[in-house]
C-alpha atoms as a PDB file:
ATOM      1  CA  MET A   1     -46.497  47.829  79.206  1.00  0.00           C
ATOM      2  CA  SER A   2     -48.598  44.719  78.599  1.00  0.00           C
ATOM      3  CA  VAL A   3     -51.924  44.905  76.822  1.00  0.00           C
ATOM      4  CA  ASN A   4     -54.886  43.262  78.535  1.00  0.00           C
ATOM      5  CA  LEU A   5     -56.184  41.388  75.494  1.00  0.00           C
ATOM      6  CA  GLU A   6     -58.562  39.302  77.605  1.00  0.00           C
ATOM      7  CA  LEU A   7     -60.333  42.456  78.799  1.00  0.00           C
ATOM      8  CA  PHE A   8     -60.465  43.895  75.275  1.00  0.00           C
ATOM      9  CA  ILE A   9     -61.821  40.718  73.651  1.00  0.00           C
ATOM     10  CA  SER A  10     -64.338  40.061  76.419  1.00  0.00           C
ATOM     11  CA  ALA A  11     -65.627  43.654  76.329  1.00  0.00           C
ATOM     12  CA  ALA A  12     -65.874  43.716  72.520  1.00  0.00           C
ATOM     13  CA  ILE A  13     -67.765  40.410  72.379  1.00  0.00           C
ATOM     14  CA  SER A  14     -70.108  41.369  75.226  1.00  0.00           C
ATOM     15  CA  ILE A  15     -71.022  44.737  73.717  1.00  0.00           C
ATOM     16  CA  PHE A  16     -71.414  43.211  70.241  1.00  0.00           C
ATOM     17  CA  VAL A  17     -73.728  40.508  71.562  1.00  0.00           C
ATOM     18  CA  MET A  18     -75.766  43.094  73.470  1.00  0.00           C
ATOM     19  CA  ALA A  19     -76.190  45.111  70.262  1.00  0.00           C
ATOM     20  CA  ASP A  20     -77.777  41.962  68.756  1.00  0.00           C
ATOM     21  CA  PRO A  21     -77.265  42.962  65.093  1.00  0.00           C
ATOM     22  CA  PHE A  22     -78.617  39.682  63.697  1.00  0.00           C
ATOM     23  CA  GLY A  23     -81.769  39.915  65.772  1.00  0.00           C
ATOM     24  CA  ASN A  24     -82.238  43.549  64.756  1.00  0.00           C
ATOM     25  CA  ILE A  25     -82.085  42.870  61.003  1.00  0.00           C
ATOM     26  CA  PRO A  26     -85.801  42.099  60.501  1.00  0.00           C
ATOM     27  CA  ILE A  27     -86.769  44.988  62.817  1.00  0.00           C
ATOM     28  CA  PHE A  28     -84.544  47.457  60.968  1.00  0.00           C
ATOM     29  CA  LEU A  29     -85.886  46.288  57.613  1.00  0.00           C
ATOM     30  CA  GLY A  30     -89.412  46.862  58.882  1.00  0.00           C
ATOM     31  CA  LEU A  31     -88.604  50.338  60.221  1.00  0.00           C
ATOM     32  CA  THR A  32     -86.914  51.381  56.952  1.00  0.00           C
ATOM     33  CA  GLY A  33     -89.268  49.531  54.611  1.00  0.00           C
ATOM     34  CA  GLY A  34     -90.380  52.615  52.662  1.00  0.00           C
ATOM     35  CA  MET A  35     -86.888  54.017  52.193  1.00  0.00           C
ATOM     36  CA  SER A  36     -84.443  53.781  49.314  1.00  0.00           C
ATOM     37  CA  GLY A  37     -81.191  51.889  49.733  1.00  0.00           C
ATOM     38  CA  ALA A  38     -79.254  55.137  50.242  1.00  0.00           C
ATOM     39  CA  GLU A  39     -81.729  56.381  52.867  1.00  0.00           C
ATOM     40  CA  ARG A  40     -81.610  53.041  54.691  1.00  0.00           C
ATOM     41  CA  ARG A  41     -77.795  53.118  54.832  1.00  0.00           C
ATOM     42  CA  TYR A  42     -77.889  56.713  56.059  1.00  0.00           C
ATOM     43  CA  VAL A  43     -80.338  55.908  58.854  1.00  0.00           C
ATOM     44  CA  ILE A  44     -78.427  52.802  59.952  1.00  0.00           C
ATOM     45  CA  SER A  45     -75.094  54.649  59.883  1.00  0.00           C
ATOM     46  CA  LYS A  46     -76.494  57.545  61.903  1.00  0.00           C
ATOM     47  CA  ALA A  47     -78.097  55.167  64.410  1.00  0.00           C
ATOM     48  CA  SER A  48     -74.800  53.300  64.846  1.00  0.00           C
ATOM     49  CA  ALA A  49     -72.889  56.565  65.352  1.00  0.00           C
ATOM     50  CA  ILE A  50     -75.380  57.783  67.975  1.00  0.00           C
ATOM     51  CA  ALA A  51     -75.258  54.398  69.740  1.00  0.00           C
ATOM     52  CA  THR A  52     -71.451  54.627  69.886  1.00  0.00           C
ATOM     53  CA  VAL A  53     -71.617  58.111  71.416  1.00  0.00           C
ATOM     54  CA  ILE A  54     -74.127  56.886  74.016  1.00  0.00           C
ATOM     55  CA  LEU A  55     -71.803  54.044  75.063  1.00  0.00           C
ATOM     56  CA  PHE A  56     -68.837  56.415  75.207  1.00  0.00           C
ATOM     57  CA  VAL A  57     -70.787  58.715  77.527  1.00  0.00           C
ATOM     58  CA  PHE A  58     -71.683  55.814  79.833  1.00  0.00           C
ATOM     59  CA  ALA A  59     -68.072  54.609  79.758  1.00  0.00           C
ATOM     60  CA  LEU A  60     -66.721  58.016  80.764  1.00  0.00           C
ATOM     61  CA  VAL A  61     -69.292  59.149  83.345  1.00  0.00           C
ATOM     62  CA  GLY A  62     -70.383  55.768  84.691  1.00  0.00           C
ATOM     63  CA  LYS A  63     -67.771  55.595  87.469  1.00  0.00           C
ATOM     64  CA  PRO A  64     -68.427  59.089  88.909  1.00  0.00           C
ATOM     65  CA  PHE A  65     -72.157  58.355  88.780  1.00  0.00           C
ATOM     66  CA  MET A  66     -71.645  55.069  90.659  1.00  0.00           C
ATOM     67  CA  ASP A  67     -69.469  56.786  93.263  1.00  0.00           C
ATOM     68  CA  LEU A  68     -72.140  59.450  93.752  1.00  0.00           C
ATOM     69  CA  LEU A  69     -74.721  56.731  94.496  1.00  0.00           C
ATOM     70  CA  SER A  70     -72.236  54.654  96.563  1.00  0.00           C
ATOM     71  CA  ILE A  71     -72.660  51.641  94.258  1.00  0.00           C
ATOM     72  CA  SER A  72     -69.827  49.097  94.428  1.00  0.00           C
ATOM     73  CA  LEU A  73     -68.378  47.310  91.411  1.00  0.00           C
ATOM     74  CA  ASN A  74     -69.448  43.933  92.809  1.00  0.00           C
ATOM     75  CA  SER A  75     -73.038  45.158  93.135  1.00  0.00           C
ATOM     76  CA  LEU A  76     -72.940  46.374  89.538  1.00  0.00           C
ATOM     77  CA  ARG A  77     -71.530  43.016  88.415  1.00  0.00           C
ATOM     78  CA  ILE A  78     -74.345  41.095  90.107  1.00  0.00           C
ATOM     79  CA  ALA A  79     -77.091  43.453  88.928  1.00  0.00           C
ATOM     80  CA  GLY A  80     -75.621  43.596  85.431  1.00  0.00           C
ATOM     81  CA  GLY A  81     -75.314  39.823  85.291  1.00  0.00           C
ATOM     82  CA  ILE A  82     -78.957  39.379  86.284  1.00  0.00           C
ATOM     83  CA  LEU A  83     -80.044  41.912  83.660  1.00  0.00           C
ATOM     84  CA  LEU A  84     -77.960  40.251  80.950  1.00  0.00           C
ATOM     85  CA  LEU A  85     -79.273  36.834  81.935  1.00  0.00           C
ATOM     86  CA  LEU A  86     -82.862  38.051  81.556  1.00  0.00           C
ATOM     87  CA  ILE A  87     -82.033  39.478  78.130  1.00  0.00           C
ATOM     88  CA  ALA A  88     -80.316  36.208  77.176  1.00  0.00           C
ATOM     89  CA  PHE A  89     -83.456  34.257  78.167  1.00  0.00           C
ATOM     90  CA  ASP A  90     -85.500  36.670  76.067  1.00  0.00           C
ATOM     91  CA  MET A  91     -83.234  35.970  73.087  1.00  0.00           C
ATOM     92  CA  LEU A  92     -83.324  32.209  73.646  1.00  0.00           C
ATOM     93  CA  MET A  93     -87.088  32.003  74.135  1.00  0.00           C
ATOM     94  CA  GLY A  94     -87.761  34.069  71.031  1.00  0.00           C
ATOM     95  CA  SER A  95     -89.836  36.779  72.720  1.00  0.00           C
ATOM     96  CA  GLU A  96     -91.411  39.233  70.275  1.00  0.00           C
ATOM     97  CA  THR A  97     -92.088  41.961  72.825  1.00  0.00           C
ATOM     98  CA  ARG A  98     -89.132  44.030  71.711  1.00  0.00           C
ATOM     99  CA  THR A  99     -90.330  44.080  68.117  1.00  0.00           C
ATOM    100  CA  LYS A 100     -93.849  45.078  69.057  1.00  0.00           C
ATOM    101  CA  ARG A 101     -92.596  47.810  71.319  1.00  0.00           C
ATOM    102  CA  THR A 102     -90.493  49.406  68.603  1.00  0.00           C
ATOM    103  CA  ASP A 103     -92.880  49.496  65.662  1.00  0.00           C
ATOM    104  CA  GLY A 104     -92.766  52.931  64.084  1.00  0.00           C
ATOM    105  CA  SER A 105     -95.376  54.720  62.000  1.00  0.00           C
ATOM    106  CA  PRO A 106     -94.675  55.180  58.248  1.00  0.00           C
ATOM    107  CA  ASP A 107     -94.766  58.974  58.628  1.00  0.00           C
ATOM    108  CA  GLU A 108     -91.917  59.166  61.138  1.00  0.00           C
ATOM    109  CA  ASP A 109     -88.974  61.306  60.078  1.00  0.00           C
ATOM    110  CA  ILE A 110     -85.959  59.193  59.138  1.00  0.00           C
ATOM    111  CA  ASP A 111     -83.701  61.131  61.515  1.00  0.00           C
ATOM    112  CA  SER A 112     -86.082  60.478  64.396  1.00  0.00           C
ATOM    113  CA  ILE A 113     -86.113  56.766  63.587  1.00  0.00           C
ATOM    114  CA  ALA A 114     -82.304  56.747  63.629  1.00  0.00           C
ATOM    115  CA  VAL A 115     -82.312  58.044  67.205  1.00  0.00           C
ATOM    116  CA  THR A 116     -85.334  56.134  68.535  1.00  0.00           C
ATOM    117  CA  PRO A 117     -85.886  53.248  68.358  1.00  0.00           C
ATOM    118  CA  MET A 118     -82.805  52.287  66.309  1.00  0.00           C
ATOM    119  CA  ALA A 119     -79.880  53.844  68.214  1.00  0.00           C
ATOM    120  CA  THR A 120     -81.651  53.290  71.516  1.00  0.00           C
ATOM    121  CA  PRO A 121     -83.061  50.974  72.720  1.00  0.00           C
ATOM    122  CA  LEU A 122     -82.360  48.558  69.834  1.00  0.00           C
ATOM    123  CA  ILE A 123     -78.578  48.959  69.386  1.00  0.00           C
ATOM    124  CA  THR A 124     -77.783  50.511  72.761  1.00  0.00           C
ATOM    125  CA  GLY A 125     -80.144  49.347  75.471  1.00  0.00           C
ATOM    126  CA  PRO A 126     -79.800  49.007  79.248  1.00  0.00           C
ATOM    127  CA  GLY A 127     -77.773  45.812  78.820  1.00  0.00           C
ATOM    128  CA  ALA A 128     -75.122  47.392  76.589  1.00  0.00           C
ATOM    129  CA  MET A 129     -74.886  50.405  78.885  1.00  0.00           C
ATOM    130  CA  THR A 130     -74.452  48.175  81.942  1.00  0.00           C
ATOM    131  CA  VAL A 131     -71.810  46.020  80.246  1.00  0.00           C
ATOM    132  CA  THR A 132     -69.871  49.136  79.244  1.00  0.00           C
ATOM    133  CA  MET A 133     -69.915  50.494  82.797  1.00  0.00           C
ATOM    134  CA  VAL A 134     -68.827  47.146  84.266  1.00  0.00           C
ATOM    135  CA  TYR A 135     -65.832  46.743  81.960  1.00  0.00           C
ATOM    136  CA  MET A 136     -64.833  50.393  82.294  1.00  0.00           C
ATOM    137  CA  ASN A 137     -64.825  50.068  86.078  1.00  0.00           C
ATOM    138  CA  GLU A 138     -62.809  46.835  85.909  1.00  0.00           C
ATOM    139  CA  ALA A 139     -60.179  48.503  83.700  1.00  0.00           C
ATOM    140  CA  ALA A 140     -57.261  50.301  85.308  1.00  0.00           C
ATOM    141  CA  GLY A 141     -55.134  53.072  83.839  1.00  0.00           C
ATOM    142  CA  MET A 142     -54.511  52.704  80.118  1.00  0.00           C
ATOM    143  CA  ASP A 143     -56.738  49.618  79.988  1.00  0.00           C
ATOM    144  CA  LYS A 144     -59.665  52.031  79.904  1.00  0.00           C
ATOM    145  CA  LEU A 145     -58.583  52.911  76.368  1.00  0.00           C
ATOM    146  CA  LEU A 146     -58.977  49.233  75.480  1.00  0.00           C
ATOM    147  CA  VAL A 147     -62.607  49.350  76.613  1.00  0.00           C
ATOM    148  CA  LEU A 148     -63.201  52.426  74.457  1.00  0.00           C
ATOM    149  CA  ALA A 149     -61.539  50.622  71.552  1.00  0.00           C
ATOM    150  CA  ALA A 150     -63.748  47.574  72.246  1.00  0.00           C
ATOM    151  CA  ILE A 151     -66.822  49.802  71.977  1.00  0.00           C
ATOM    152  CA  LEU A 152     -65.646  51.044  68.578  1.00  0.00           C
ATOM    153  CA  ILE A 153     -64.909  47.527  67.315  1.00  0.00           C
ATOM    154  CA  ALA A 154     -68.232  46.152  68.579  1.00  0.00           C
ATOM    155  CA  MET A 155     -70.225  49.024  67.070  1.00  0.00           C
ATOM    156  CA  LEU A 156     -68.309  48.761  63.790  1.00  0.00           C
ATOM    157  CA  GLY A 157     -69.044  45.037  63.609  1.00  0.00           C
ATOM    158  CA  SER A 158     -72.710  45.666  64.368  1.00  0.00           C
ATOM    159  CA  TRP A 159     -72.862  48.409  61.730  1.00  0.00           C
ATOM    160  CA  LEU A 160     -71.281  46.189  59.059  1.00  0.00           C
ATOM    161  CA  ILE A 161     -73.983  43.591  59.666  1.00  0.00           C
ATOM    162  CA  VAL A 162     -77.053  45.823  59.813  1.00  0.00           C
ATOM    163  CA  VAL A 163     -75.964  48.108  56.956  1.00  0.00           C
ATOM    164  CA  ASN A 164     -75.981  44.981  54.789  1.00  0.00           C
ATOM    165  CA  SER A 165     -79.292  43.833  56.237  1.00  0.00           C
ATOM    166  CA  ASP A 166     -80.934  43.390  52.829  1.00  0.00           C
ATOM    167  CA  LEU A 167     -78.238  40.984  51.678  1.00  0.00           C
ATOM    168  CA  LEU A 168     -77.988  39.102  54.967  1.00  0.00           C
ATOM    169  CA  TYR A 169     -81.744  38.713  55.325  1.00  0.00           C
ATOM    170  CA  SER A 170     -81.976  37.325  51.792  1.00  0.00           C
ATOM    171  CA  VAL A 171     -79.354  34.720  52.763  1.00  0.00           C
ATOM    172  CA  PHE A 172     -80.488  33.783  56.285  1.00  0.00           C
ATOM    173  CA  ARG A 173     -84.193  34.579  56.066  1.00  0.00           C
ATOM    174  CA  LYS A 174     -86.282  34.731  59.241  1.00  0.00           C
ATOM    175  CA  ASP A 175     -85.328  31.288  60.562  1.00  0.00           C
ATOM    176  CA  GLY A 176     -81.622  31.938  60.044  1.00  0.00           C
ATOM    177  CA  THR A 177     -81.658  35.207  61.952  1.00  0.00           C
ATOM    178  CA  ARG A 178     -83.555  33.476  64.771  1.00  0.00           C
ATOM    179  CA  VAL A 179     -80.902  30.759  64.997  1.00  0.00           C
ATOM    180  CA  LEU A 180     -78.103  33.342  65.103  1.00  0.00           C
ATOM    181  CA  THR A 181     -79.950  35.282  67.794  1.00  0.00           C
ATOM    182  CA  LYS A 182     -80.317  32.130  69.914  1.00  0.00           C
ATOM    183  CA  ILE A 183     -76.606  31.325  69.544  1.00  0.00           C
ATOM    184  CA  MET A 184     -75.774  34.863  70.687  1.00  0.00           C
ATOM    185  CA  GLY A 185     -78.230  34.381  73.558  1.00  0.00           C
ATOM    186  CA  ILE A 186     -76.281  31.332  74.765  1.00  0.00           C
ATOM    187  CA  VAL A 187     -73.020  33.307  74.641  1.00  0.00           C
ATOM    188  CA  LEU A 188     -74.643  36.170  76.528  1.00  0.00           C
ATOM    189  CA  ALA A 189     -75.991  33.797  79.203  1.00  0.00           C
ATOM    190  CA  ALA A 190     -72.472  32.457  79.798  1.00  0.00           C
ATOM    191  CA  ILE A 191     -71.064  35.991  80.062  1.00  0.00           C
ATOM    192  CA  ALA A 192     -73.856  36.948  82.487  1.00  0.00           C
ATOM    193  CA  THR A 193     -73.146  33.900  84.671  1.00  0.00           C
ATOM    194  CA  GLU A 194     -69.430  34.714  84.856  1.00  0.00           C
ATOM    195  CA  MET A 195     -70.249  38.334  85.706  1.00  0.00           C
ATOM    196  CA  MET A 196     -72.545  37.311  88.574  1.00  0.00           C
ATOM    197  CA  LEU A 197     -70.056  34.766  89.925  1.00  0.00           C
ATOM    198  CA  ALA A 198     -67.319  37.423  89.922  1.00  0.00           C
ATOM    199  CA  GLY A 199     -69.589  39.820  91.804  1.00  0.00           C
ATOM    200  CA  ILE A 200     -70.631  37.206  94.373  1.00  0.00           C
ATOM    201  CA  SER A 201     -67.055  36.030  94.995  1.00  0.00           C
ATOM    202  CA  GLY A 202     -65.947  39.656  95.354  1.00  0.00           C
ATOM    203  CA  SER A 203     -68.720  40.427  97.845  1.00  0.00           C
ATOM    204  CA  PHE A 204     -68.249  37.176  99.776  1.00  0.00           C
ATOM    205  CA  PRO A 205     -64.512  36.232  99.646  1.00  0.00           C
ATOM    206  CA  ALA A 206     -65.134  33.222 101.901  1.00  0.00           C
ATOM    207  CA  LEU A 207     -67.026  31.564  99.068  1.00  0.00           C
ATOM    208  CA  GLY A 208     -64.024  31.780  96.746  1.00  0.00           C
END
């Protein structure tokens, strides 16, 4: 049985980009500013674990939910592509709305911060959930296991970056993390375009 490496790689990259670990570094440092190094690692690890569980849930129940609402895969591709494109523009234009929306008070419990806003919506937002559902619905048979594996790899990669946020931020500083976020925004825009084109060609075969 052949392994669909293209599906696996595409899903892993898409989910990793949606998690935006480089862009989240300054936000995470701000949210965990009063914590010790051990507490910061604990919060980031817990947030990453919760984010992984959230994506697994969407991967496993997304298809039945779509069937219940009579939503086709092509419709999800187009809608997901538009959503990802908007997020990519946000990353490229350097919008600060996400940071302002997720500022937490100093008195918040560290476990609460791990769940919200770190696990969701920062690591796992609507874009990551949509991408997961799209790839899971495109996968057939055992390929669905590849999507689940892609989620694990993407979340592990994101965790490795944000858990070392102190070190990375000291190397890249604010400008460096902005550049990395913009590069990831370009990649995400390309993925979003391909997703929309696939949905349009599937809905209108005559255009293919």
